[in-house]
């Protein structure tokens, strides 16, 4: 729970009706990701994805990076992940689709794409076990 509390404190404008503190919620990954061609900073958990923007500050390391809440997507067993072949128009692209959301995503490089796809599959596998 301590890690989840620390993450939630880093996010400004976090909705009062939401909480990262939840039994069985597992933090999987955080990092930069482009959603619908806009740069964001995403936090992936076993049951949700939180989309934020980075607040500019040279004082904070990655682990203390200050973030501003943008969107919360529930990540259930219905989520599908589509890996697209690279092209000049859409390098490092993939999409995430659930019953209540759909995002076209991309990363800055192929390695980050692999990291995100692996993490997303891990989150999906948690939901299929329940």
N, C-alpha and C. Protein backbone atom coordinates (compact mmCIF):
# COMPACT_ATOMS: atom_id res chain seq x y z
N UNK A 1 0.81 -1.20 0.00
CA UNK A 1 0.00 0.00 0.00
C UNK A 1 0.85 1.27 0.00
N UNK A 2 2.02 1.20 0.59
CA UNK A 2 2.88 2.37 0.68
C UNK A 2 3.25 2.90 -0.70
N UNK A 3 3.60 1.98 -1.61
CA UNK A 3 3.95 2.40 -2.98
C UNK A 3 2.77 3.08 -3.66
N UNK A 4 1.57 2.55 -3.49
CA UNK A 4 0.38 3.13 -4.11
C UNK A 4 0.08 4.51 -3.54
N UNK A 5 0.25 4.68 -2.22
CA UNK A 5 0.05 5.99 -1.60
C UNK A 5 1.05 7.01 -2.14
N UNK A 6 2.30 6.58 -2.26
CA UNK A 6 3.34 7.47 -2.78
C UNK A 6 3.02 7.89 -4.21
N UNK A 7 2.60 6.94 -5.04
CA UNK A 7 2.24 7.27 -6.42
C UNK A 7 1.07 8.25 -6.46
N UNK A 8 0.05 8.02 -5.65
CA UNK A 8 -1.11 8.90 -5.66
C UNK A 8 -0.74 10.31 -5.24
N UNK A 9 0.18 10.46 -4.28
CA UNK A 9 0.62 11.79 -3.83
C UNK A 9 1.34 12.55 -4.93
N UNK A 10 1.96 11.84 -5.86
CA UNK A 10 2.69 12.49 -6.96
C UNK A 10 1.74 13.09 -8.00
N UNK A 11 0.47 12.72 -7.97
CA UNK A 11 -0.47 13.13 -9.02
C UNK A 11 -1.37 14.25 -8.52
N UNK A 12 -1.25 15.42 -9.14
CA UNK A 12 -2.13 16.54 -8.78
C UNK A 12 -3.47 16.37 -9.51
N UNK A 13 -4.50 16.99 -8.97
CA UNK A 13 -5.86 16.92 -9.51
C UNK A 13 -6.42 15.50 -9.56
N UNK A 14 -5.94 14.65 -8.65
CA UNK A 14 -6.44 13.27 -8.61
C UNK A 14 -7.90 13.32 -8.15
N UNK A 15 -8.80 12.65 -8.87
CA UNK A 15 -10.23 12.74 -8.52
C UNK A 15 -10.51 12.22 -7.10
N UNK A 16 -11.34 12.96 -6.36
CA UNK A 16 -11.68 12.57 -5.00
C UNK A 16 -12.39 11.22 -4.94
N UNK A 17 -13.16 10.91 -5.99
CA UNK A 17 -13.93 9.66 -5.98
C UNK A 17 -13.10 8.43 -6.35
N UNK A 18 -11.84 8.64 -6.72
CA UNK A 18 -10.96 7.53 -7.08
C UNK A 18 -9.87 7.36 -6.02
N UNK A 19 -9.31 6.17 -5.97
CA UNK A 19 -8.19 5.92 -5.07
C UNK A 19 -7.31 4.83 -5.66
N UNK A 20 -6.00 5.02 -5.56
CA UNK A 20 -5.08 3.97 -5.99
C UNK A 20 -5.00 2.84 -4.97
N UNK A 21 -5.38 3.17 -3.72
CA UNK A 21 -5.28 2.18 -2.65
C UNK A 21 -6.44 1.20 -2.78
N UNK A 22 -6.13 -0.01 -3.19
CA UNK A 22 -7.15 -1.03 -3.38
C UNK A 22 -6.52 -2.41 -3.17
N UNK A 23 -7.21 -3.26 -2.45
CA UNK A 23 -6.73 -4.62 -2.24
C UNK A 23 -6.53 -5.30 -3.59
N UNK A 24 -5.45 -6.01 -3.73
CA UNK A 24 -5.09 -6.77 -4.94
C UNK A 24 -4.65 -5.91 -6.13
N UNK A 25 -4.60 -4.58 -5.99
CA UNK A 25 -4.10 -3.75 -7.10
C UNK A 25 -2.59 -3.83 -7.11
N UNK A 26 -2.03 -4.10 -8.27
CA UNK A 26 -0.59 -4.26 -8.42
C UNK A 26 -0.08 -3.21 -9.40
N UNK A 27 0.93 -2.47 -8.98
CA UNK A 27 1.60 -1.51 -9.87
C UNK A 27 2.50 -2.29 -10.81
N UNK A 28 2.40 -2.00 -12.13
CA UNK A 28 3.17 -2.74 -13.12
C UNK A 28 4.25 -1.89 -13.78
N UNK A 29 3.88 -0.70 -14.25
CA UNK A 29 4.85 0.09 -15.02
C UNK A 29 4.41 1.54 -15.10
N UNK A 30 5.39 2.43 -15.26
CA UNK A 30 5.10 3.83 -15.56
C UNK A 30 6.08 4.31 -16.61
N UNK A 31 5.66 5.28 -17.39
CA UNK A 31 6.55 5.84 -18.39
C UNK A 31 5.82 6.65 -19.44
N UNK A 32 6.60 7.21 -20.34
CA UNK A 32 6.06 8.03 -21.42
C UNK A 32 5.37 7.15 -22.46
N UNK A 33 4.27 7.67 -22.96
CA UNK A 33 3.53 7.00 -24.01
C UNK A 33 2.72 8.06 -24.74
N UNK A 34 2.65 7.97 -26.05
CA UNK A 34 1.81 8.87 -26.81
C UNK A 34 0.45 8.21 -26.97
N UNK A 35 -0.60 8.95 -26.61
CA UNK A 35 -1.97 8.47 -26.77
C UNK A 35 -2.68 9.39 -27.74
N UNK A 36 -3.18 8.81 -28.81
CA UNK A 36 -3.86 9.59 -29.85
C UNK A 36 -2.99 10.78 -30.29
N UNK A 37 -1.71 10.48 -30.48
CA UNK A 37 -0.68 11.41 -30.98
C UNK A 37 -0.31 12.54 -30.03
N UNK A 38 -0.70 12.44 -28.76
CA UNK A 38 -0.34 13.45 -27.77
C UNK A 38 0.56 12.81 -26.72
N UNK A 39 1.60 13.52 -26.24
CA UNK A 39 2.50 12.95 -25.24
C UNK A 39 1.88 12.92 -23.84
N UNK A 40 1.95 11.77 -23.21
CA UNK A 40 1.45 11.60 -21.85
C UNK A 40 2.43 10.76 -21.05
N UNK A 41 2.16 10.67 -19.77
CA UNK A 41 2.92 9.82 -18.87
C UNK A 41 1.90 8.88 -18.25
N UNK A 42 2.05 7.58 -18.48
CA UNK A 42 1.06 6.61 -18.06
C UNK A 42 1.55 5.79 -16.87
N UNK A 43 0.61 5.42 -16.02
CA UNK A 43 0.85 4.54 -14.89
C UNK A 43 -0.05 3.33 -15.08
N UNK A 44 0.55 2.17 -15.22
CA UNK A 44 -0.21 0.94 -15.48
C UNK A 44 -0.28 0.09 -14.22
N UNK A 45 -1.48 -0.31 -13.87
CA UNK A 45 -1.73 -1.19 -12.74
C UNK A 45 -2.43 -2.44 -13.26
N UNK A 46 -2.62 -3.39 -12.38
CA UNK A 46 -3.24 -4.64 -12.79
C UNK A 46 -4.69 -4.46 -13.23
N UNK A 47 -5.33 -3.38 -12.81
CA UNK A 47 -6.75 -3.20 -13.14
C UNK A 47 -7.10 -1.83 -13.73
N UNK A 48 -6.11 -0.99 -13.99
CA UNK A 48 -6.40 0.32 -14.56
C UNK A 48 -5.14 0.95 -15.17
N UNK A 49 -5.38 1.93 -16.01
CA UNK A 49 -4.30 2.77 -16.56
C UNK A 49 -4.65 4.20 -16.19
N UNK A 50 -3.70 4.90 -15.62
CA UNK A 50 -3.90 6.30 -15.29
C UNK A 50 -3.03 7.12 -16.24
N UNK A 51 -3.68 8.03 -16.93
CA UNK A 51 -2.99 8.88 -17.90
C UNK A 51 -2.77 10.24 -17.25
N UNK A 52 -1.53 10.70 -17.30
CA UNK A 52 -1.16 11.98 -16.69
C UNK A 52 -0.29 12.77 -17.66
N UNK A 53 -0.05 14.00 -17.32
CA UNK A 53 0.97 14.79 -18.01
C UNK A 53 2.04 15.11 -16.98
N UNK A 54 3.25 15.26 -17.45
CA UNK A 54 4.37 15.58 -16.56
C UNK A 54 4.37 17.07 -16.27
N UNK A 55 4.54 17.41 -15.01
CA UNK A 55 4.71 18.81 -14.63
C UNK A 55 6.20 19.10 -14.72
N UNK A 56 6.56 20.12 -15.42
CA UNK A 56 7.96 20.42 -15.69
C UNK A 56 8.69 20.85 -14.43
N UNK A 57 9.72 20.10 -14.12
CA UNK A 57 10.59 20.46 -13.00
C UNK A 57 11.88 19.68 -13.12
N UNK A 58 12.98 20.36 -12.99
CA UNK A 58 14.28 19.69 -13.06
C UNK A 58 14.68 19.16 -11.69
N UNK A 59 13.89 19.48 -10.66
CA UNK A 59 14.23 19.08 -9.29
C UNK A 59 13.92 17.61 -9.00
N UNK A 60 13.02 17.03 -9.77
CA UNK A 60 12.54 15.69 -9.42
C UNK A 60 13.13 14.61 -10.31
N UNK A 61 13.52 13.52 -9.68
CA UNK A 61 13.97 12.35 -10.43
C UNK A 61 12.74 11.63 -10.97
N UNK A 62 12.94 10.62 -11.81
CA UNK A 62 11.83 9.89 -12.38
C UNK A 62 10.92 9.31 -11.31
N UNK A 63 11.49 8.78 -10.25
CA UNK A 63 10.68 8.16 -9.20
C UNK A 63 9.89 9.17 -8.38
N UNK A 64 10.24 10.45 -8.46
CA UNK A 64 9.51 11.49 -7.73
C UNK A 64 8.84 12.50 -8.68
N UNK A 65 8.79 12.15 -9.94
CA UNK A 65 8.24 13.04 -10.96
C UNK A 65 6.81 13.47 -10.59
N UNK A 66 6.56 14.77 -10.66
CA UNK A 66 5.24 15.29 -10.36
C UNK A 66 4.38 15.21 -11.62
N UNK A 67 3.14 14.76 -11.43
CA UNK A 67 2.25 14.48 -12.54
C UNK A 67 0.90 15.17 -12.34
N UNK A 68 0.21 15.41 -13.44
CA UNK A 68 -1.13 15.97 -13.37
C UNK A 68 -2.11 14.97 -13.99
N UNK A 69 -3.13 14.63 -13.23
CA UNK A 69 -4.13 13.66 -13.67
C UNK A 69 -4.84 14.13 -14.94
N UNK A 70 -5.04 13.19 -15.88
CA UNK A 70 -5.80 13.47 -17.10
C UNK A 70 -6.98 12.52 -17.27
N UNK A 71 -6.72 11.22 -17.09
CA UNK A 71 -7.76 10.22 -17.39
C UNK A 71 -7.50 8.93 -16.64
N UNK A 72 -8.56 8.20 -16.35
CA UNK A 72 -8.50 6.89 -15.69
C UNK A 72 -9.23 5.91 -16.58
N UNK A 73 -8.58 4.82 -16.98
CA UNK A 73 -9.22 3.77 -17.77
C UNK A 73 -9.20 2.48 -16.97
N UNK A 74 -10.37 1.90 -16.75
CA UNK A 74 -10.42 0.59 -16.10
C UNK A 74 -9.89 -0.46 -17.07
N UNK A 75 -9.09 -1.34 -16.55
CA UNK A 75 -8.41 -2.35 -17.36
C UNK A 75 -8.95 -3.72 -16.95
N UNK A 76 -10.02 -4.16 -17.61
CA UNK A 76 -10.65 -5.43 -17.27
C UNK A 76 -10.26 -6.55 -18.22
N UNK A 77 -10.91 -7.68 -18.06
CA UNK A 77 -10.60 -8.85 -18.89
C UNK A 77 -11.03 -8.66 -20.33
N UNK A 78 -11.87 -7.64 -20.60
CA UNK A 78 -12.33 -7.38 -21.96
C UNK A 78 -11.33 -6.57 -22.80
N UNK A 79 -10.26 -6.10 -22.19
CA UNK A 79 -9.30 -5.25 -22.89
C UNK A 79 -8.55 -6.04 -23.96
N UNK A 80 -8.43 -5.42 -25.13
CA UNK A 80 -7.68 -6.02 -26.23
C UNK A 80 -6.50 -5.12 -26.56
N UNK A 81 -5.38 -5.75 -26.92
CA UNK A 81 -4.16 -5.02 -27.27
C UNK A 81 -3.80 -5.40 -28.69
N UNK A 82 -3.61 -4.41 -29.53
CA UNK A 82 -3.28 -4.64 -30.93
C UNK A 82 -1.89 -4.07 -31.23
N UNK A 83 -1.01 -4.90 -31.73
CA UNK A 83 0.35 -4.51 -32.08
C UNK A 83 0.38 -4.27 -33.58
N UNK A 84 0.76 -3.07 -34.00
CA UNK A 84 0.79 -2.73 -35.43
C UNK A 84 2.21 -2.78 -35.96
N UNK A 85 2.37 -3.22 -37.20
CA UNK A 85 3.71 -3.20 -37.81
C UNK A 85 4.17 -1.75 -37.96
N UNK A 86 5.47 -1.55 -37.87
CA UNK A 86 6.02 -0.21 -38.02
C UNK A 86 5.87 0.30 -39.44
N UNK A 87 5.63 1.58 -39.54
CA UNK A 87 5.61 2.26 -40.83
C UNK A 87 6.16 3.67 -40.61
N UNK A 88 6.45 4.36 -41.69
CA UNK A 88 6.98 5.72 -41.55
C UNK A 88 5.94 6.65 -40.92
N UNK A 89 4.67 6.40 -41.21
CA UNK A 89 3.60 7.26 -40.69
C UNK A 89 3.31 6.96 -39.21
N UNK A 90 3.42 5.70 -38.82
CA UNK A 90 3.10 5.33 -37.43
C UNK A 90 4.14 4.35 -36.88
N UNK A 91 5.33 4.85 -36.55
CA UNK A 91 6.33 3.96 -35.95
C UNK A 91 5.96 3.62 -34.51
N UNK A 92 6.30 2.41 -34.10
CA UNK A 92 6.13 1.97 -32.71
C UNK A 92 4.69 2.11 -32.21
N UNK A 93 3.73 1.74 -33.06
CA UNK A 93 2.32 1.94 -32.75
C UNK A 93 1.64 0.66 -32.26
N UNK A 94 0.66 0.88 -31.39
CA UNK A 94 -0.21 -0.19 -30.92
C UNK A 94 -1.48 0.47 -30.40
N UNK A 95 -2.49 -0.31 -30.12
CA UNK A 95 -3.71 0.27 -29.55
C UNK A 95 -4.21 -0.59 -28.40
N UNK A 96 -4.96 0.06 -27.53
CA UNK A 96 -5.57 -0.58 -26.38
C UNK A 96 -7.06 -0.28 -26.48
N UNK A 97 -7.87 -1.33 -26.40
CA UNK A 97 -9.32 -1.13 -26.50
C UNK A 97 -10.03 -1.90 -25.41
N UNK A 98 -10.90 -1.20 -24.72
CA UNK A 98 -11.74 -1.82 -23.70
C UNK A 98 -13.19 -1.47 -23.97
N UNK A 99 -14.07 -1.91 -23.12
CA UNK A 99 -15.49 -1.64 -23.34
C UNK A 99 -15.82 -0.15 -23.21
N UNK A 100 -15.01 0.58 -22.44
CA UNK A 100 -15.32 2.00 -22.22
C UNK A 100 -14.27 2.95 -22.79
N UNK A 101 -13.26 2.44 -23.49
CA UNK A 101 -12.24 3.33 -24.04
C UNK A 101 -11.51 2.68 -25.21
N UNK A 102 -10.87 3.52 -26.00
CA UNK A 102 -10.02 3.07 -27.09
C UNK A 102 -8.92 4.10 -27.28
N UNK A 103 -7.66 3.66 -27.29
CA UNK A 103 -6.53 4.57 -27.44
C UNK A 103 -5.57 4.05 -28.50
N UNK A 104 -5.20 4.91 -29.39
CA UNK A 104 -4.11 4.62 -30.31
C UNK A 104 -2.85 5.11 -29.64
N UNK A 105 -1.87 4.22 -29.51
CA UNK A 105 -0.68 4.54 -28.74
C UNK A 105 0.58 4.41 -29.59
N UNK A 106 1.62 5.07 -29.15
CA UNK A 106 2.94 4.89 -29.76
C UNK A 106 3.99 5.27 -28.72
N UNK A 107 5.21 4.84 -29.00
CA UNK A 107 6.33 5.15 -28.11
C UNK A 107 7.44 5.78 -28.94
N UNK A 108 8.44 6.29 -28.24
CA UNK A 108 9.54 6.96 -28.92
C UNK A 108 10.48 6.00 -29.65
N UNK A 109 10.50 4.73 -29.20
CA UNK A 109 11.40 3.77 -29.86
C UNK A 109 10.84 2.36 -29.73
N UNK A 110 11.41 1.44 -30.49
CA UNK A 110 10.92 0.06 -30.53
C UNK A 110 11.07 -0.64 -29.18
N UNK A 111 12.13 -0.36 -28.45
CA UNK A 111 12.35 -0.99 -27.15
C UNK A 111 11.24 -0.61 -26.17
N UNK A 112 10.88 0.66 -26.13
CA UNK A 112 9.79 1.10 -25.25
C UNK A 112 8.47 0.45 -25.65
N UNK A 113 8.26 0.30 -26.94
CA UNK A 113 7.04 -0.37 -27.41
C UNK A 113 6.97 -1.79 -26.85
N UNK A 114 8.07 -2.53 -26.93
CA UNK A 114 8.10 -3.89 -26.41
C UNK A 114 7.84 -3.90 -24.91
N UNK A 115 8.45 -2.96 -24.17
CA UNK A 115 8.24 -2.87 -22.73
C UNK A 115 6.75 -2.65 -22.41
N UNK A 116 6.12 -1.71 -23.13
CA UNK A 116 4.71 -1.42 -22.88
C UNK A 116 3.82 -2.61 -23.26
N UNK A 117 4.07 -3.22 -24.40
CA UNK A 117 3.24 -4.36 -24.80
C UNK A 117 3.35 -5.50 -23.81
N UNK A 118 4.55 -5.76 -23.33
CA UNK A 118 4.77 -6.81 -22.33
C UNK A 118 4.02 -6.48 -21.04
N UNK A 119 4.11 -5.24 -20.60
CA UNK A 119 3.43 -4.81 -19.37
C UNK A 119 1.91 -4.87 -19.52
N UNK A 120 1.41 -4.47 -20.67
CA UNK A 120 -0.04 -4.51 -20.91
C UNK A 120 -0.55 -5.94 -20.91
N UNK A 121 0.20 -6.84 -21.51
CA UNK A 121 -0.18 -8.26 -21.49
C UNK A 121 -0.17 -8.80 -20.07
N UNK A 122 0.79 -8.36 -19.27
CA UNK A 122 0.86 -8.78 -17.87
C UNK A 122 -0.39 -8.31 -17.12
N UNK A 123 -0.78 -7.05 -17.32
CA UNK A 123 -1.99 -6.52 -16.68
C UNK A 123 -3.21 -7.30 -17.13
N UNK A 124 -3.29 -7.59 -18.40
CA UNK A 124 -4.43 -8.35 -18.93
C UNK A 124 -4.48 -9.75 -18.32
N UNK A 125 -3.32 -10.37 -18.13
CA UNK A 125 -3.28 -11.72 -17.57
C UNK A 125 -3.77 -11.73 -16.12
N UNK A 126 -3.51 -10.66 -15.36
CA UNK A 126 -4.02 -10.58 -13.99
C UNK A 126 -5.55 -10.62 -14.00
N UNK A 127 -6.15 -9.93 -14.95
CA UNK A 127 -7.61 -9.84 -15.01
C UNK A 127 -8.25 -11.13 -15.51
N UNK A 128 -7.53 -11.91 -16.28
CA UNK A 128 -8.08 -13.16 -16.78
C UNK A 128 -7.99 -14.26 -15.75
N UNK A 129 -7.18 -14.07 -14.70
CA UNK A 129 -7.06 -15.05 -13.64
C UNK A 129 -8.22 -14.97 -12.66
N UNK A 130 -8.87 -13.81 -12.61
CA UNK A 130 -9.95 -13.61 -11.62
C UNK A 130 -11.22 -14.30 -12.05
